[in-house]
């Protein structure tokens, strides 16, 4: 069963990410001296000892260390806010992502298409009910069209106001 990693093993042992195995062993032995339950009688000493021991177990095994590094890197990538850019493997931040502008014709085309689609749904179903004798409950099928129409009109109004300079983009 996979457990969520709560601690950065490198910080727990106080070593750099590029530390050698001898540096990791030395740091582990130093930490264990002070957090071993036989030496430290405070509450939580056992938990601290287990955390330090787990960090050492992961970092001394090359496969587990590589897996831990990969997971940590992916977590940093996922948590990096888009406005600040992404963190690279060296800890540097890349350039922020640029916000792309949607071409005006695509924006108008989307909203005009939505408006035409919504009105055709509503008109078609109402014609079917009135002229073809469809049952009255088929009027419920107009609801998607009735939801699309106001959104399309609002989008066209916003873009029109931006084009005329009434509001800022």
N, C-alpha and C. Protein backbone atom coordinates (compact mmCIF):
# COMPACT_ATOMS: atom_id res chain seq x y z
N UNK A 1 0.84 -1.17 0.00
CA UNK A 1 0.00 0.00 0.00
C UNK A 1 0.89 1.24 0.00
N UNK A 2 0.66 2.14 -0.93
CA UNK A 2 1.47 3.34 -1.04
C UNK A 2 1.02 4.36 -0.01
N UNK A 3 2.02 4.97 0.65
CA UNK A 3 1.71 6.01 1.62
C UNK A 3 2.21 7.34 1.09
N UNK A 4 1.56 8.39 1.52
CA UNK A 4 1.96 9.72 1.08
C UNK A 4 3.20 10.15 1.84
N UNK A 5 4.15 10.70 1.11
CA UNK A 5 5.41 11.14 1.71
C UNK A 5 5.17 12.48 2.40
N UNK A 6 5.46 12.56 3.69
CA UNK A 6 5.22 13.78 4.44
C UNK A 6 6.47 14.61 4.66
N UNK A 7 7.65 14.00 4.56
CA UNK A 7 8.89 14.68 4.89
C UNK A 7 9.86 14.60 3.73
N UNK A 8 10.68 15.64 3.62
CA UNK A 8 11.78 15.61 2.66
C UNK A 8 12.96 14.94 3.36
N UNK A 9 13.34 13.78 2.88
CA UNK A 9 14.38 12.98 3.54
C UNK A 9 15.71 13.71 3.61
N UNK A 10 15.99 14.52 2.62
CA UNK A 10 17.25 15.26 2.63
C UNK A 10 17.25 16.29 3.77
N UNK A 11 16.13 16.95 3.98
CA UNK A 11 16.04 17.93 5.06
C UNK A 11 16.07 17.25 6.42
N UNK A 12 15.45 16.08 6.51
CA UNK A 12 15.44 15.35 7.79
C UNK A 12 16.87 15.03 8.21
N UNK A 13 17.68 14.57 7.26
CA UNK A 13 19.07 14.23 7.59
C UNK A 13 20.01 15.43 7.52
N UNK A 14 19.54 16.53 6.93
CA UNK A 14 20.38 17.72 6.85
C UNK A 14 21.49 17.61 5.83
N UNK A 15 21.22 16.95 4.70
CA UNK A 15 22.23 16.81 3.64
C UNK A 15 21.70 17.41 2.35
N UNK A 16 22.61 17.68 1.44
CA UNK A 16 22.25 18.19 0.12
C UNK A 16 21.71 17.05 -0.75
N UNK A 17 21.03 17.39 -1.83
CA UNK A 17 20.46 16.38 -2.72
C UNK A 17 21.54 15.57 -3.45
N UNK A 18 22.71 16.14 -3.59
CA UNK A 18 23.78 15.43 -4.29
C UNK A 18 24.76 14.79 -3.30
N UNK A 19 24.35 14.54 -2.08
CA UNK A 19 25.23 13.97 -1.05
C UNK A 19 25.60 12.54 -1.39
N UNK A 20 26.80 12.17 -1.01
CA UNK A 20 27.27 10.80 -1.24
C UNK A 20 26.73 9.90 -0.13
N UNK A 21 26.92 8.61 -0.33
CA UNK A 21 26.45 7.65 0.66
C UNK A 21 27.18 7.81 1.99
N UNK A 22 28.46 8.13 1.96
CA UNK A 22 29.20 8.33 3.22
C UNK A 22 28.69 9.57 3.95
N UNK A 23 28.35 10.63 3.23
CA UNK A 23 27.79 11.82 3.87
C UNK A 23 26.43 11.52 4.49
N UNK A 24 25.63 10.71 3.80
CA UNK A 24 24.31 10.33 4.32
C UNK A 24 24.46 9.49 5.58
N UNK A 25 25.41 8.54 5.58
CA UNK A 25 25.64 7.72 6.78
C UNK A 25 26.09 8.56 7.95
N UNK A 26 26.99 9.49 7.69
CA UNK A 26 27.51 10.35 8.75
C UNK A 26 26.39 11.22 9.33
N UNK A 27 25.57 11.79 8.46
CA UNK A 27 24.46 12.63 8.92
C UNK A 27 23.45 11.80 9.70
N UNK A 28 23.19 10.58 9.24
CA UNK A 28 22.25 9.70 9.94
C UNK A 28 22.75 9.39 11.35
N UNK A 29 24.03 9.06 11.47
CA UNK A 29 24.58 8.72 12.78
C UNK A 29 24.54 9.91 13.74
N UNK A 30 24.77 11.11 13.20
CA UNK A 30 24.70 12.31 14.04
C UNK A 30 23.27 12.55 14.52
N UNK A 31 22.29 12.39 13.62
CA UNK A 31 20.89 12.63 14.00
C UNK A 31 20.41 11.59 14.99
N UNK A 32 20.81 10.36 14.78
CA UNK A 32 20.35 9.27 15.64
C UNK A 32 20.86 9.45 17.06
N UNK A 33 22.06 10.01 17.20
CA UNK A 33 22.60 10.22 18.54
C UNK A 33 21.67 11.08 19.39
N UNK A 34 21.03 12.04 18.77
CA UNK A 34 20.23 12.99 19.53
C UNK A 34 18.75 12.64 19.58
N UNK A 35 18.27 11.80 18.69
CA UNK A 35 16.83 11.52 18.70
C UNK A 35 16.50 10.07 19.07
N UNK A 36 17.49 9.29 19.43
CA UNK A 36 17.21 7.91 19.82
C UNK A 36 16.37 7.91 21.10
N UNK A 37 15.32 7.07 21.18
CA UNK A 37 14.45 7.06 22.36
C UNK A 37 15.17 6.74 23.66
N UNK A 38 16.30 6.00 23.61
CA UNK A 38 17.04 5.72 24.83
C UNK A 38 17.75 6.97 25.36
N UNK A 39 18.12 7.86 24.47
CA UNK A 39 18.84 9.08 24.87
C UNK A 39 17.88 10.25 25.09
N UNK A 40 16.89 10.37 24.22
CA UNK A 40 15.94 11.47 24.30
C UNK A 40 14.65 10.95 24.94
N UNK A 41 14.33 11.43 26.13
CA UNK A 41 13.16 10.93 26.87
C UNK A 41 11.92 11.79 26.66
N UNK A 42 11.96 12.78 25.76
CA UNK A 42 10.81 13.64 25.55
C UNK A 42 9.75 12.91 24.74
N UNK A 43 8.53 13.43 24.83
CA UNK A 43 7.44 12.85 24.04
C UNK A 43 7.73 13.07 22.56
N UNK A 44 7.48 12.09 21.76
CA UNK A 44 7.71 12.19 20.32
C UNK A 44 9.09 11.78 19.88
N UNK A 45 9.93 11.37 20.80
CA UNK A 45 11.29 10.96 20.42
C UNK A 45 11.25 9.73 19.54
N UNK A 46 10.36 8.82 19.85
CA UNK A 46 10.24 7.60 19.05
C UNK A 46 9.83 7.93 17.62
N UNK A 47 8.87 8.85 17.48
CA UNK A 47 8.41 9.23 16.14
C UNK A 47 9.54 9.91 15.36
N UNK A 48 10.28 10.79 16.01
CA UNK A 48 11.41 11.45 15.35
C UNK A 48 12.46 10.43 14.92
N UNK A 49 12.73 9.46 15.77
CA UNK A 49 13.70 8.42 15.44
C UNK A 49 13.24 7.62 14.21
N UNK A 50 11.96 7.28 14.18
CA UNK A 50 11.45 6.52 13.03
C UNK A 50 11.52 7.33 11.74
N UNK A 51 11.28 8.63 11.84
CA UNK A 51 11.37 9.48 10.64
C UNK A 51 12.80 9.54 10.13
N UNK A 52 13.75 9.71 11.04
CA UNK A 52 15.17 9.75 10.64
C UNK A 52 15.59 8.41 10.07
N UNK A 53 15.15 7.33 10.69
CA UNK A 53 15.50 6.00 10.22
C UNK A 53 14.91 5.75 8.83
N UNK A 54 13.67 6.16 8.61
CA UNK A 54 13.04 5.97 7.30
C UNK A 54 13.78 6.79 6.23
N UNK A 55 14.18 8.00 6.58
CA UNK A 55 14.92 8.83 5.63
C UNK A 55 16.23 8.15 5.23
N UNK A 56 16.92 7.58 6.20
CA UNK A 56 18.17 6.89 5.92
C UNK A 56 17.93 5.65 5.05
N UNK A 57 16.90 4.89 5.38
CA UNK A 57 16.58 3.69 4.60
C UNK A 57 16.31 4.02 3.14
N UNK A 58 15.62 5.12 2.90
CA UNK A 58 15.32 5.50 1.52
C UNK A 58 16.57 6.01 0.80
N UNK A 59 17.33 6.86 1.46
CA UNK A 59 18.47 7.49 0.78
C UNK A 59 19.66 6.57 0.62
N UNK A 60 19.78 5.52 1.41
CA UNK A 60 20.94 4.63 1.25
C UNK A 60 20.74 3.65 0.09
N UNK A 61 19.51 3.38 -0.29
CA UNK A 61 19.22 2.47 -1.39
C UNK A 61 19.12 3.28 -2.69
N UNK A 62 19.96 3.01 -3.69
CA UNK A 62 19.95 3.82 -4.91
C UNK A 62 18.60 3.81 -5.64
N UNK A 63 17.91 2.68 -5.67
CA UNK A 63 16.62 2.61 -6.36
C UNK A 63 15.56 3.44 -5.63
N UNK A 64 15.49 3.29 -4.31
CA UNK A 64 14.52 4.06 -3.54
C UNK A 64 14.83 5.56 -3.59
N UNK A 65 16.11 5.89 -3.59
CA UNK A 65 16.50 7.29 -3.66
C UNK A 65 16.10 7.91 -5.00
N UNK A 66 16.32 7.17 -6.08
CA UNK A 66 15.93 7.67 -7.40
C UNK A 66 14.41 7.84 -7.48
N UNK A 67 13.68 6.90 -6.93
CA UNK A 67 12.22 7.01 -6.92
C UNK A 67 11.77 8.22 -6.09
N UNK A 68 12.39 8.40 -4.93
CA UNK A 68 12.05 9.54 -4.08
C UNK A 68 12.35 10.86 -4.80
N UNK A 69 13.50 10.94 -5.48
CA UNK A 69 13.86 12.15 -6.22
C UNK A 69 12.86 12.43 -7.34
N UNK A 70 12.44 11.38 -8.03
CA UNK A 70 11.47 11.55 -9.12
C UNK A 70 10.12 12.03 -8.59
N UNK A 71 9.67 11.44 -7.50
CA UNK A 71 8.38 11.84 -6.91
C UNK A 71 8.46 13.28 -6.42
N UNK A 72 9.55 13.64 -5.78
CA UNK A 72 9.72 15.00 -5.28
C UNK A 72 9.74 15.99 -6.43
N UNK A 73 10.42 15.64 -7.51
CA UNK A 73 10.47 16.53 -8.68
C UNK A 73 9.08 16.71 -9.28
N UNK A 74 8.34 15.64 -9.42
CA UNK A 74 6.99 15.74 -9.98
C UNK A 74 6.07 16.54 -9.08
N UNK A 75 6.21 16.37 -7.77
CA UNK A 75 5.38 17.14 -6.84
C UNK A 75 5.70 18.63 -6.95
N UNK A 76 6.98 18.98 -7.10
CA UNK A 76 7.35 20.38 -7.25
C UNK A 76 6.80 20.95 -8.54
N UNK A 77 6.81 20.16 -9.61
CA UNK A 77 6.26 20.63 -10.87
C UNK A 77 4.77 20.88 -10.77
N UNK A 78 4.07 19.98 -10.09
CA UNK A 78 2.61 20.09 -9.97
C UNK A 78 2.22 21.27 -9.09
N UNK A 79 2.99 21.55 -8.04
CA UNK A 79 2.64 22.59 -7.09
C UNK A 79 3.11 23.97 -7.51
N UNK A 80 3.95 24.06 -8.54
CA UNK A 80 4.45 25.36 -8.97
C UNK A 80 3.33 26.16 -9.61
N UNK A 81 3.05 27.36 -9.13
CA UNK A 81 1.99 28.15 -9.74
C UNK A 81 2.37 28.59 -11.14
N UNK A 82 1.40 28.60 -12.03
CA UNK A 82 1.66 28.93 -13.43
C UNK A 82 2.11 30.38 -13.58
N UNK A 83 1.66 31.27 -12.72
CA UNK A 83 2.03 32.67 -12.86
C UNK A 83 3.49 32.91 -12.51
N UNK A 84 4.09 32.02 -11.73
CA UNK A 84 5.48 32.20 -11.32
C UNK A 84 6.43 31.36 -12.16
N UNK A 85 5.93 30.54 -13.04
CA UNK A 85 6.79 29.66 -13.81
C UNK A 85 6.97 28.34 -13.09
N UNK A 86 7.70 27.44 -13.70
CA UNK A 86 7.92 26.12 -13.12
C UNK A 86 9.33 26.00 -12.60
N UNK A 87 9.47 25.23 -11.53
CA UNK A 87 10.80 24.98 -10.98
C UNK A 87 11.48 23.90 -11.79
N UNK A 88 12.73 24.14 -12.11
CA UNK A 88 13.50 23.13 -12.83
C UNK A 88 14.14 22.19 -11.84
N UNK A 89 14.85 21.18 -12.34
CA UNK A 89 15.48 20.21 -11.44
C UNK A 89 16.58 20.85 -10.60
N UNK A 90 17.13 21.99 -11.03
CA UNK A 90 18.17 22.66 -10.26
C UNK A 90 17.56 23.62 -9.23
N UNK A 91 16.23 23.70 -9.15
CA UNK A 91 15.58 24.57 -8.19
C UNK A 91 15.35 25.98 -8.72
N UNK A 92 15.79 26.25 -9.96
CA UNK A 92 15.58 27.57 -10.54
C UNK A 92 14.17 27.66 -11.11
N UNK A 93 13.69 28.86 -11.27
CA UNK A 93 12.36 29.04 -11.82
C UNK A 93 12.48 29.46 -13.27
N UNK A 94 11.74 28.79 -14.12
CA UNK A 94 11.76 29.13 -15.54
C UNK A 94 10.87 30.34 -15.77
N UNK A 95 10.84 30.80 -17.00
CA UNK A 95 10.03 31.97 -17.34
C UNK A 95 8.55 31.67 -17.11
N UNK A 96 7.77 32.67 -16.68
CA UNK A 96 6.36 32.44 -16.47
C UNK A 96 5.63 32.12 -17.77
N UNK A 97 4.55 31.40 -17.65
CA UNK A 97 3.77 31.06 -18.82
C UNK A 97 3.03 32.29 -19.32
N UNK A 98 3.02 32.47 -20.61
CA UNK A 98 2.33 33.60 -21.19
C UNK A 98 0.86 33.27 -21.39
N UNK A 99 0.01 34.26 -21.12
CA UNK A 99 -1.42 34.06 -21.35
C UNK A 99 -1.68 34.27 -22.83
N UNK A 100 -2.32 33.29 -23.46
CA UNK A 100 -2.57 33.39 -24.89
C UNK A 100 -3.88 34.12 -25.12
N UNK A 101 -3.90 34.93 -26.14
CA UNK A 101 -5.11 35.65 -26.51
C UNK A 101 -5.86 34.85 -27.56
N UNK A 102 -7.16 34.78 -27.39
CA UNK A 102 -8.01 34.10 -28.36
C UNK A 102 -8.33 35.08 -29.47
N UNK A 103 -8.16 34.68 -30.74
CA UNK A 103 -8.48 35.59 -31.84
C UNK A 103 -9.95 36.03 -31.78
N UNK A 104 -10.18 37.25 -32.18
CA UNK A 104 -11.53 37.82 -32.11
C UNK A 104 -12.53 37.00 -32.91
N UNK A 105 -12.16 36.56 -34.12
CA UNK A 105 -13.11 35.82 -34.94
C UNK A 105 -13.50 34.49 -34.29
N UNK A 106 -12.57 33.86 -33.59
CA UNK A 106 -12.88 32.60 -32.92
C UNK A 106 -13.84 32.84 -31.76
N UNK A 107 -13.63 33.94 -31.03
CA UNK A 107 -14.51 34.26 -29.91
C UNK A 107 -15.92 34.55 -30.40
N UNK A 108 -16.03 35.41 -31.44
CA UNK A 108 -17.34 35.70 -32.01
C UNK A 108 -17.98 34.44 -32.60
N UNK A 109 -17.18 33.65 -33.31
CA UNK A 109 -17.71 32.43 -33.92
C UNK A 109 -18.27 31.47 -32.90
N UNK A 110 -17.59 31.32 -31.79
CA UNK A 110 -18.06 30.43 -30.73
C UNK A 110 -19.39 30.90 -30.17
N UNK A 111 -19.49 32.19 -29.87
CA UNK A 111 -20.71 32.69 -29.26
C UNK A 111 -21.87 32.78 -30.25
N UNK A 112 -21.60 33.12 -31.49
CA UNK A 112 -22.67 33.15 -32.50
C UNK A 112 -23.17 31.73 -32.76
N UNK A 113 -22.26 30.77 -32.82
CA UNK A 113 -22.66 29.37 -32.99
C UNK A 113 -23.51 28.90 -31.83
N UNK A 114 -23.14 29.25 -30.62
CA UNK A 114 -23.93 28.90 -29.44
C UNK A 114 -25.30 29.53 -29.49
N UNK A 115 -25.37 30.77 -29.90
CA UNK A 115 -26.66 31.46 -30.00
C UNK A 115 -27.55 30.80 -31.04
N UNK A 116 -27.00 30.49 -32.21
CA UNK A 116 -27.78 29.83 -33.26
C UNK A 116 -28.20 28.42 -32.84
N UNK A 117 -27.31 27.69 -32.20
CA UNK A 117 -27.63 26.34 -31.75
C UNK A 117 -28.73 26.36 -30.71
N UNK A 118 -28.63 27.25 -29.73
CA UNK A 118 -29.63 27.33 -28.68
C UNK A 118 -30.99 27.72 -29.21
N UNK A 119 -31.03 28.72 -30.10
CA UNK A 119 -32.33 29.14 -30.65
C UNK A 119 -32.91 28.06 -31.55
N UNK A 120 -32.09 27.34 -32.31
CA UNK A 120 -32.63 26.29 -33.17
C UNK A 120 -33.21 25.14 -32.35
N UNK A 121 -32.60 24.84 -31.21
CA UNK A 121 -33.15 23.79 -30.33
C UNK A 121 -34.52 24.21 -29.82
N UNK A 122 -34.59 25.43 -29.29
CA UNK A 122 -35.84 25.90 -28.70
C UNK A 122 -36.94 25.98 -29.77
N UNK A 123 -36.64 26.61 -30.90
CA UNK A 123 -37.65 26.78 -31.96
C UNK A 123 -38.06 25.43 -32.53
N UNK A 124 -37.09 24.54 -32.76
CA UNK A 124 -37.42 23.23 -33.32
C UNK A 124 -38.33 22.42 -32.41
N UNK A 125 -38.07 22.43 -31.12
CA UNK A 125 -38.89 21.65 -30.20
C UNK A 125 -40.28 22.28 -30.05
N UNK A 126 -40.33 23.61 -30.01
CA UNK A 126 -41.65 24.26 -29.92
C UNK A 126 -42.49 24.00 -31.17
N UNK A 127 -41.86 24.00 -32.34
CA UNK A 127 -42.59 23.66 -33.58
C UNK A 127 -43.09 22.22 -33.53
N UNK A 128 -42.26 21.33 -33.01
CA UNK A 128 -42.68 19.94 -32.88
C UNK A 128 -43.85 19.77 -31.94
N UNK A 129 -43.86 20.51 -30.85
CA UNK A 129 -44.95 20.40 -29.87
C UNK A 129 -46.24 20.99 -30.45
N UNK A 130 -46.12 22.19 -31.05
CA UNK A 130 -47.32 22.87 -31.54
C UNK A 130 -47.81 22.26 -32.86
N UNK A 131 -46.90 22.07 -33.80
CA UNK A 131 -47.33 21.66 -35.14
C UNK A 131 -47.38 20.16 -35.36
N UNK A 132 -46.60 19.40 -34.67
CA UNK A 132 -46.54 17.96 -34.94
C UNK A 132 -47.22 17.13 -33.87
N UNK A 133 -47.68 17.77 -32.80
CA UNK A 133 -48.39 17.05 -31.77
C UNK A 133 -47.51 16.26 -30.83
N UNK A 134 -46.25 16.69 -30.66
CA UNK A 134 -45.38 16.02 -29.70
C UNK A 134 -45.94 16.20 -28.29
N UNK A 135 -45.65 15.27 -27.39
CA UNK A 135 -46.14 15.44 -26.02
C UNK A 135 -45.51 16.67 -25.35
N UNK A 136 -46.22 17.23 -24.40
CA UNK A 136 -45.79 18.47 -23.76
C UNK A 136 -44.49 18.30 -22.97
N UNK A 137 -44.22 17.09 -22.47
CA UNK A 137 -42.99 16.91 -21.68
C UNK A 137 -41.73 17.04 -22.52
N UNK A 138 -41.83 17.00 -23.83
CA UNK A 138 -40.64 17.22 -24.66
C UNK A 138 -40.15 18.66 -24.59
N UNK A 139 -40.95 19.54 -23.99
CA UNK A 139 -40.51 20.92 -23.79
C UNK A 139 -39.30 20.97 -22.86
N UNK A 140 -39.11 19.93 -22.03
CA UNK A 140 -37.93 19.87 -21.18
C UNK A 140 -36.64 19.83 -21.99
N UNK A 141 -36.75 19.36 -23.22
CA UNK A 141 -35.56 19.30 -24.08
C UNK A 141 -35.10 20.69 -24.51
N UNK A 142 -35.91 21.72 -24.24
CA UNK A 142 -35.51 23.09 -24.55
C UNK A 142 -34.53 23.64 -23.53
N UNK A 143 -34.42 23.02 -22.37
CA UNK A 143 -33.57 23.55 -21.30
C UNK A 143 -32.11 23.76 -21.70
N UNK A 144 -31.48 22.82 -22.42
CA UNK A 144 -30.09 23.12 -22.82
C UNK A 144 -29.99 24.35 -23.71
N UNK A 145 -30.93 24.50 -24.62
CA UNK A 145 -30.93 25.68 -25.48
C UNK A 145 -31.15 26.95 -24.69
N UNK A 146 -32.05 26.87 -23.70
CA UNK A 146 -32.31 28.05 -22.87
C UNK A 146 -31.12 28.39 -21.98
N UNK A 147 -30.26 27.42 -21.70
CA UNK A 147 -29.04 27.70 -20.92
C UNK A 147 -27.94 28.29 -21.79
N UNK A 148 -27.90 27.91 -23.06
CA UNK A 148 -26.85 28.37 -23.97
C UNK A 148 -27.09 29.80 -24.44
N UNK A 149 -28.33 30.14 -24.69
CA UNK A 149 -28.65 31.45 -25.28
C UNK A 149 -28.17 32.62 -24.41
N UNK A 150 -28.50 32.69 -23.11
CA UNK A 150 -28.04 33.85 -22.32
C UNK A 150 -26.52 33.93 -22.21
N UNK A 151 -25.85 32.79 -22.13
CA UNK A 151 -24.39 32.80 -22.05
C UNK A 151 -23.78 33.34 -23.34
N UNK A 152 -24.33 32.95 -24.46
CA UNK A 152 -23.81 33.43 -25.74
C UNK A 152 -24.04 34.93 -25.90
N UNK A 153 -25.20 35.40 -25.50
CA UNK A 153 -25.50 36.83 -25.60
C UNK A 153 -24.56 37.62 -24.68
N UNK A 154 -24.35 37.12 -23.46
CA UNK A 154 -23.46 37.81 -22.52
C UNK A 154 -22.03 37.87 -23.07
N UNK A 155 -21.55 36.78 -23.66
CA UNK A 155 -20.21 36.77 -24.24
C UNK A 155 -20.07 37.75 -25.38
N UNK A 156 -21.08 37.84 -26.24
CA UNK A 156 -21.04 38.79 -27.35
C UNK A 156 -21.08 40.23 -26.84
N UNK A 157 -21.84 40.47 -25.77
CA UNK A 157 -21.89 41.82 -25.20
C UNK A 157 -20.54 42.23 -24.64
N UNK A 158 -19.89 41.33 -23.95
CA UNK A 158 -18.57 41.63 -23.36
C UNK A 158 -17.57 41.95 -24.47
N UNK A 159 -17.54 41.14 -25.50
CA UNK A 159 -16.58 41.38 -26.58
C UNK A 159 -16.92 42.67 -27.33
N UNK A 160 -18.21 42.98 -27.47
CA UNK A 160 -18.60 44.21 -28.13
C UNK A 160 -18.16 45.43 -27.31
N UNK A 161 -18.31 45.34 -25.99
CA UNK A 161 -17.89 46.44 -25.13
C UNK A 161 -16.37 46.61 -25.17
N UNK A 162 -15.64 45.53 -25.27
CA UNK A 162 -14.19 45.61 -25.38
C UNK A 162 -13.80 46.25 -26.70
N UNK A 163 -14.50 45.90 -27.76
CA UNK A 163 -14.18 46.43 -29.08
C UNK A 163 -14.49 47.92 -29.17
N UNK A 164 -15.55 48.36 -28.51
CA UNK A 164 -15.92 49.79 -28.57
C UNK A 164 -15.18 50.61 -27.53
N UNK A 165 -14.47 49.96 -26.63
CA UNK A 165 -13.70 50.69 -25.63
C UNK A 165 -14.48 51.03 -24.38
N UNK A 166 -15.67 50.46 -24.22
CA UNK A 166 -16.47 50.73 -23.02
C UNK A 166 -15.84 50.10 -21.79
N UNK A 167 -15.28 48.89 -21.92
CA UNK A 167 -14.57 48.23 -20.82
C UNK A 167 -13.21 47.79 -21.31
N UNK A 168 -12.29 47.59 -20.38
CA UNK A 168 -10.94 47.16 -20.71
C UNK A 168 -10.89 45.64 -20.79
N UNK A 169 -10.07 45.06 -21.70
CA UNK A 169 -9.95 43.60 -21.78
C UNK A 169 -9.33 42.99 -20.56
